Structure formats: structure tokens, C-alpha cells
Protein backbone atom coordinates (compact mmCIF):
# COMPACT_ATOMS: atom_id res chain seq x y z
CA MET A 1 42.52 27.00 -27.33
CA PHE A 2 43.10 23.63 -25.86
CA HIS A 3 46.79 23.68 -26.88
CA LYS A 4 47.14 26.98 -25.14
CA LEU A 5 45.73 25.80 -21.91
CA ASN A 6 47.84 22.69 -22.06
CA ARG A 7 51.01 24.74 -22.02
CA PHE A 8 50.01 26.40 -18.76
CA LEU A 9 48.27 23.45 -16.80
CA PRO A 10 49.65 19.99 -16.08
CA VAL A 11 47.84 17.08 -17.71
CA ARG A 12 46.87 15.94 -14.30
CA SER A 13 45.14 19.28 -13.71
CA ILE A 14 43.35 19.08 -16.91
CA SER A 15 42.12 15.56 -16.31
CA ALA A 16 40.85 16.66 -12.78
CA LEU A 17 38.90 19.65 -14.27
CA LEU A 18 37.26 17.32 -16.88
CA LEU A 19 36.31 14.71 -14.29
CA ALA A 20 34.80 17.34 -12.07
CA ALA A 21 32.79 18.77 -14.98
CA VAL A 22 31.49 15.22 -15.77
CA THR A 23 30.72 14.58 -12.22
CA ALA A 24 28.90 17.68 -11.66
CA GLY A 25 26.86 17.24 -14.87
CA THR A 26 25.92 13.68 -13.80
CA THR A 27 24.84 14.85 -10.37
CA LEU A 28 22.75 17.63 -11.84
CA SER A 29 21.04 15.37 -14.23
CA VAL A 30 20.27 12.73 -11.36
CA GLN A 31 18.89 15.54 -9.12
CA ALA A 32 16.82 16.77 -11.98
CA ALA A 33 15.16 13.44 -12.57
CA PRO A 34 11.80 13.36 -10.63
CA LEU A 35 11.15 10.20 -8.57
CA ARG A 36 8.14 8.12 -9.61
CA PHE A 37 5.14 8.75 -7.12
CA LYS A 38 2.36 6.46 -8.18
CA VAL A 39 -0.68 6.65 -5.73
CA GLY A 40 -3.60 4.45 -5.57
CA TYR A 41 -7.06 4.86 -4.30
CA PRO A 42 -10.08 2.55 -4.39
CA VAL A 43 -12.50 1.86 -7.20
CA ASP A 44 -15.56 1.94 -5.03
CA ALA A 45 -17.08 5.56 -4.54
CA HIS A 46 -16.70 7.09 -0.94
CA PRO A 47 -18.08 10.54 -0.95
CA PRO A 48 -16.92 13.24 -0.27
CA TYR A 49 -13.39 11.65 -0.82
CA TYR A 50 -13.87 10.25 -4.25
CA MET A 51 -17.17 10.77 -5.83
CA ASP A 52 -17.64 8.03 -8.32
CA SER A 53 -16.87 4.27 -8.91
CA GLY A 54 -14.71 2.75 -11.55
CA THR A 55 -10.98 2.64 -12.79
CA GLN A 56 -11.02 6.16 -14.36
CA ILE A 57 -9.77 9.18 -12.61
CA PRO A 58 -12.57 11.92 -13.35
CA ALA A 59 -11.27 15.13 -15.01
CA LYS A 60 -13.81 17.24 -13.14
CA ASP A 61 -14.72 17.10 -9.40
CA PRO A 62 -13.01 13.88 -8.45
CA GLY A 63 -13.44 14.25 -4.76
CA PHE A 64 -12.03 15.76 -1.61
CA ALA A 65 -9.19 13.50 -1.21
CA VAL A 66 -8.20 13.17 -4.91
CA GLU A 67 -8.08 17.02 -5.19
CA ILE A 68 -5.73 17.15 -2.39
CA LEU A 69 -3.20 14.42 -3.59
CA GLN A 70 -3.37 15.98 -7.08
CA ALA A 71 -2.44 19.46 -5.58
CA VAL A 72 0.33 17.83 -3.74
CA GLY A 73 1.62 16.08 -6.85
CA LYS A 74 2.00 19.40 -8.43
CA GLN A 75 3.65 21.19 -5.59
CA VAL A 76 6.37 18.48 -4.83
CA LYS A 77 8.61 19.00 -7.74
CA GLU A 78 10.90 16.13 -6.89
CA VAL A 79 8.28 13.52 -7.92
CA LYS A 80 6.42 12.37 -11.08
CA PHE A 81 3.01 12.01 -9.82
CA SER A 82 0.43 9.76 -11.14
CA LEU A 83 -3.00 8.20 -9.96
CA VAL A 84 -4.48 4.89 -10.34
CA ARG A 85 -7.39 2.91 -8.96
CA CYS A 86 -7.71 -0.54 -7.66
CA GLN A 87 -9.88 -2.75 -5.30
CA PHE A 88 -8.73 -1.75 -1.80
CA ASP A 89 -7.38 -5.11 -0.82
CA ASP A 90 -5.37 -5.12 -4.06
CA CYS A 91 -4.11 -1.63 -3.36
CA LEU A 92 -2.77 -2.80 -0.04
CA GLN A 93 -0.95 -5.69 -1.74
CA GLN A 94 0.48 -3.39 -4.24
CA ILE A 95 1.75 -0.86 -1.64
CA LYS A 96 3.18 -3.69 0.29
CA THR A 97 5.36 -4.82 -2.67
CA GLY A 98 6.17 -1.41 -3.80
CA LYS A 99 4.18 -1.45 -7.10
CA LEU A 100 2.28 1.50 -5.42
CA ASP A 101 4.16 4.48 -3.82
CA GLY A 102 1.20 5.79 -1.96
CA LEU A 103 -2.47 4.80 -1.11
CA PHE A 104 -5.39 6.75 0.34
CA ASN A 105 -7.66 7.03 2.39
CA VAL A 106 -6.32 4.50 4.76
CA PRO A 107 -7.49 4.31 8.40
CA TYR A 108 -5.03 3.46 11.00
CA ARG A 109 -4.65 -0.31 11.71
CA GLU A 110 -1.96 -1.91 13.72
CA LYS A 111 -2.11 -4.92 11.32
CA TRP A 112 -1.10 -2.65 8.45
CA LEU A 113 2.11 -1.19 10.02
CA PHE A 114 4.28 -3.61 8.13
CA THR A 115 2.18 -3.07 4.86
CA GLY A 116 3.20 0.64 4.47
CA LYS A 117 4.34 3.71 6.27
CA TYR A 118 2.00 5.97 8.18
CA PRO A 119 3.13 9.60 9.09
CA PHE A 120 4.58 9.05 12.53
CA SER A 121 5.65 11.49 15.27
CA LYS A 122 7.13 10.42 18.77
CA ALA A 123 6.73 6.77 17.96
CA LYS A 124 3.08 6.90 17.20
CA VAL A 125 0.78 7.75 14.19
CA ASP A 126 0.61 11.67 13.91
CA PRO A 127 -3.18 12.62 13.70
CA ARG A 128 -1.89 16.11 12.62
CA GLN A 129 -1.06 14.80 9.13
CA LYS A 130 -4.38 12.95 8.47
CA ILE A 131 -6.40 13.74 5.42
CA TYR A 132 -9.49 13.74 7.20
CA ARG A 133 -11.26 12.91 10.44
CA GLU A 134 -14.85 11.53 10.62
CA GLU A 135 -16.48 11.71 14.08
CA TYR A 136 -19.88 10.01 14.12
CA PHE A 137 -22.49 11.47 16.23
CA LEU A 138 -26.07 10.53 17.18
CA TYR A 139 -28.48 12.92 15.81
CA ARG A 140 -32.38 13.15 16.68
CA VAL A 141 -35.27 15.48 16.19
CA LYS A 142 -35.45 18.19 18.70
CA ASP A 143 -38.66 17.02 20.59
CA THR A 144 -37.66 13.28 20.92
CA GLN A 145 -35.81 11.65 23.90
CA VAL A 146 -33.23 9.65 22.00
CA ALA A 147 -29.89 9.23 23.76
CA THR A 148 -26.61 7.33 23.68
CA ASN A 149 -23.76 6.27 26.10
CA GLY A 150 -21.25 6.19 23.26
CA ARG A 151 -22.27 2.79 22.03
CA ARG A 152 -25.76 1.94 22.92
CA ILE A 153 -28.70 3.93 21.64
CA TYR A 154 -31.65 4.49 23.99
CA GLY A 155 -35.28 5.47 23.05
CA ILE A 156 -35.64 4.02 19.53
CA ARG A 157 -37.73 1.03 20.48
CA ASN A 158 -36.11 -1.52 18.11
CA GLN A 159 -36.45 0.84 15.10
CA SER A 160 -33.84 1.41 12.44
CA VAL A 161 -30.73 3.82 12.74
CA ILE A 162 -30.39 6.10 9.75
CA VAL A 163 -26.84 6.08 8.23
CA ALA A 164 -25.53 7.77 4.99
CA GLY A 165 -23.41 6.37 2.12
CA VAL A 166 -22.91 2.86 0.64
CA HIS A 167 -20.64 2.19 3.63
CA SER A 168 -19.60 3.98 6.76
CA ALA A 169 -16.95 3.36 9.57
CA VAL A 170 -19.71 3.11 12.10
CA ASP A 171 -21.76 0.42 10.42
CA GLU A 172 -20.04 -2.55 12.03
CA GLN A 173 -20.27 -0.95 15.61
CA LEU A 174 -24.12 -0.46 14.95
CA LYS A 175 -24.45 -4.08 13.54
CA GLU A 176 -22.73 -5.39 16.69
CA GLU A 177 -25.27 -3.70 18.88
CA LYS A 178 -28.10 -5.39 16.56
CA TYR A 179 -29.50 -2.11 15.19
CA PRO A 180 -31.13 -2.46 11.80
CA LEU A 181 -29.62 0.10 9.41
CA LEU A 182 -31.69 2.48 7.15
CA ARG A 183 -29.24 3.47 4.62
CA LYS A 184 -29.46 6.79 2.62
CA ALA A 185 -27.37 7.87 -0.34
CA ASN A 186 -25.92 10.91 1.42
CA THR A 187 -26.12 13.13 4.55
CA THR A 188 -28.60 15.39 3.08
CA GLU A 189 -31.04 12.51 2.39
CA ALA A 190 -30.29 11.06 5.86
CA LEU A 191 -31.28 14.31 7.53
CA GLN A 192 -34.32 14.52 5.54
CA ALA A 193 -35.33 11.01 6.48
CA LEU A 194 -34.64 11.99 10.21
CA LEU A 195 -36.86 15.10 9.91
CA GLN A 196 -39.67 13.14 8.27
CA ARG A 197 -39.49 10.76 11.29
CA GLU A 198 -38.62 7.54 9.14
CA SER A 199 -36.61 6.69 12.30
CA PRO A 200 -35.85 8.60 15.51
CA ALA A 201 -32.19 8.34 15.31
CA ALA A 202 -29.28 8.94 12.70
CA VAL A 203 -25.63 8.31 13.15
CA LEU A 204 -23.74 10.82 10.88
CA VAL A 205 -20.42 12.46 10.50
CA GLY A 206 -20.58 15.58 12.59
CA ASN A 207 -18.46 17.73 10.17
CA TYR A 208 -20.81 16.86 7.22
CA VAL A 209 -23.96 17.93 9.07
CA GLU A 210 -22.15 21.19 10.39
CA THR A 211 -21.23 22.02 6.68
CA LEU A 212 -24.75 21.44 5.61
CA ALA A 213 -26.06 23.48 8.59
CA ARG A 214 -24.10 26.51 7.38
CA LYS A 215 -25.99 26.33 4.10
CA HIS A 216 -29.37 25.61 5.90
CA PRO A 217 -29.25 27.45 9.38
CA GLU A 218 -32.79 26.19 10.17
CA LEU A 219 -31.34 22.73 10.82
CA ALA A 220 -29.94 24.03 13.98
CA GLU A 221 -33.51 24.63 15.43
CA LEU A 222 -34.83 21.20 14.19
CA ILE A 223 -32.21 18.68 15.34
CA ARG A 224 -29.94 17.88 18.15
CA ARG A 225 -26.62 16.00 18.48
CA SER A 226 -24.98 13.86 21.20
CA HIS A 227 -22.40 15.62 23.15
CA GLU A 228 -19.70 12.82 22.47
CA PRO A 229 -19.03 11.09 19.21
CA MET A 230 -19.99 7.43 19.06
CA MET A 231 -16.88 6.68 16.87
CA THR A 232 -13.83 8.46 15.49
CA GLU A 233 -11.85 7.54 12.41
CA ASP A 234 -8.76 9.31 11.03
CA TYR A 235 -7.75 8.66 7.34
CA TYR A 236 -4.17 9.00 6.05
CA LEU A 237 -2.01 8.88 2.97
CA MET A 238 0.00 5.60 3.47
CA LEU A 239 3.38 5.46 1.63
CA SER A 240 5.23 2.39 0.56
CA ARG A 241 8.02 1.11 2.74
CA GLN A 242 10.16 0.97 -0.36
CA PHE A 243 9.48 4.71 -1.19
CA TYR A 244 10.23 5.92 2.28
CA ALA A 245 13.39 4.00 2.57
CA LYS A 246 14.61 5.39 -0.68
CA LYS A 247 13.78 9.15 0.20
CA PRO A 248 12.67 9.36 3.73
CA TRP A 249 13.10 13.16 3.70
CA LEU A 250 10.88 13.38 0.55
CA ALA A 251 8.20 11.38 2.17
CA GLU A 252 8.03 13.81 5.09
CA ILE A 253 7.94 16.70 2.40
CA ILE A 254 4.90 15.00 0.82
CA TRP A 255 3.04 14.63 4.21
CA ASP A 256 3.86 18.20 5.19
CA LYS A 257 2.57 19.72 1.84
CA GLN A 258 -0.50 17.59 2.13
CA THR A 259 -1.21 19.02 5.69
CA GLU A 260 -0.51 22.58 4.49
CA PHE A 261 -2.82 22.21 1.51
CA ILE A 262 -5.65 20.86 3.69
CA GLN A 263 -5.25 23.68 6.32
CA SER A 264 -5.62 26.33 3.65
CA ASN A 265 -8.14 24.61 1.30
CA GLY A 266 -9.97 22.04 3.48
CA PRO A 267 -13.00 24.28 4.25
CA ARG A 268 -13.37 25.20 0.50
CA LEU A 269 -13.35 21.51 -0.52
CA GLU A 270 -15.70 20.60 2.27
CA GLU A 271 -18.29 23.28 0.94
CA LYS A 272 -17.83 21.80 -2.59
CA TYR A 273 -18.16 18.25 -1.88
CA ILE A 274 -20.24 17.48 1.14
CA GLN A 275 -23.75 16.51 0.21
């Protein structure tokens, strides 16, 4: 067959066809090879985002943020997704050097702008592409007179302020104001302590309390919340600058897919994980 073709086609044409076929095959193979997308998150538990401590990735109920990233890793076919855990400071160093391609949950800090890439729009971080927002409100029992101006808490007479979790973003602000902290394991236990009047005030994430109130409607009759949050913190998926420089369009797809998944599945995951 080759000899027959050779009689009708010049050698130059045959060479061009062969080169085109080889080039096309090479291009297809390169396009088909998924890009490594190695994402880290801290070893310390931070419910509801990651529910346990340690270096292992739980096979069941790993946490709100972990499920989101696992779903995105499956949806974006251009990447080969994997998860690892590390100390947060070590994670930051690894994403700076490109050893990690992604890291969550990272609050926005100007000092980390050259560590990795946040999702940006119009020259500033884009809050629409956050993984989650924590708004900390002051809570009190209905018949008490506790109040806040957004920083100071009035009416607690040097008593402790109830907080939830091993660490919360509002801890430092409360410590700066010299408030002793009464720490509870989760939001449910914090609300129980408030209702049992272990302290007249609790500073908790509003969305967590609202999720629990949907399960326990009687809460709405027992507690009151400040009108404005005492603190707001957004958390993001940070990408390495090396990953972004290599495939900026793919980075944007990842952030977009994450946002789409949260919009459609966020309420379900909140119901599942918030305690």
C-alpha cells in the first residue's frame, strides 16, 4: 500500500503527512496527561472544616472543606488530585516553594500575598470565591442586658466569655480586651453553657448557631444575638504561584468549580457537619 501511495504523492508530501500525524499524537498525549494538583490542609482539627487531627485523610466524614476539595478534584479532569496534611506553617512554606499546589482554609492576609495566590477580581481578593465565611456574634440569654459595640462587651462584670472549639478566629480580639475565655468543644456545648448561665455572654459563629436553631427551634425563644458581628473572617483555597503561572486558566476553573459546588451543596454540608 505504501508503494502505491508513493507513486502518486511526492516524498515531501508523505514526510509532511507523517510529521503532522506524529505532532498530532504528541499534542493529544500532552493534553491527556493530567497536571499534578497536590493540596494540603492542617493536621490540627478545625470543625466543621476538618473534623479530626493527624496526618491521615479520613475515608468517612472528613469535614466540610475536605469534601468540597475532594469533589472539585473529581470534577476538574485536567488535574490529578491528591490531599496531604501538614502543620500550617509548614504548609505555607510548601506552597511558597511549589511543593504544594493548593492549601486550605487560608484567611486573607496581606503578608501572604507573595506566599501563594488568592482568587482575585478587580485587583482585590474576591470574597465570592471563599470556601467559607465566619461571622462572630455576641449571644446572650433573652432576659439579660449584655451588649457590645463591636469590640467591647458590656454587662458581664468581669466574667468569662464562652467560645467554641480548640481555637477560633475571634480569640485574639477577646484576649486583647482582657476577657477570660470559657472554652467549649463545639457550638452546641457553648450554647448549653450559655443557657445554664455559666457565663452571661458567648461569642459564636452566626451561621453555626442558625444551623442548630433550624434543628432546635426553641433556641430562638431563649437567646438573643447582637445586630452586627464582632468579627468577620473569610477562608480561601490558596494556590501556589508556580501552579498559577503554569496554568492560570486552570486555576480559575478550580476556583469556579469550588464556588459552584459550595453554592449547590453548602447547606447540605452545614447540616451534616455543624455541631
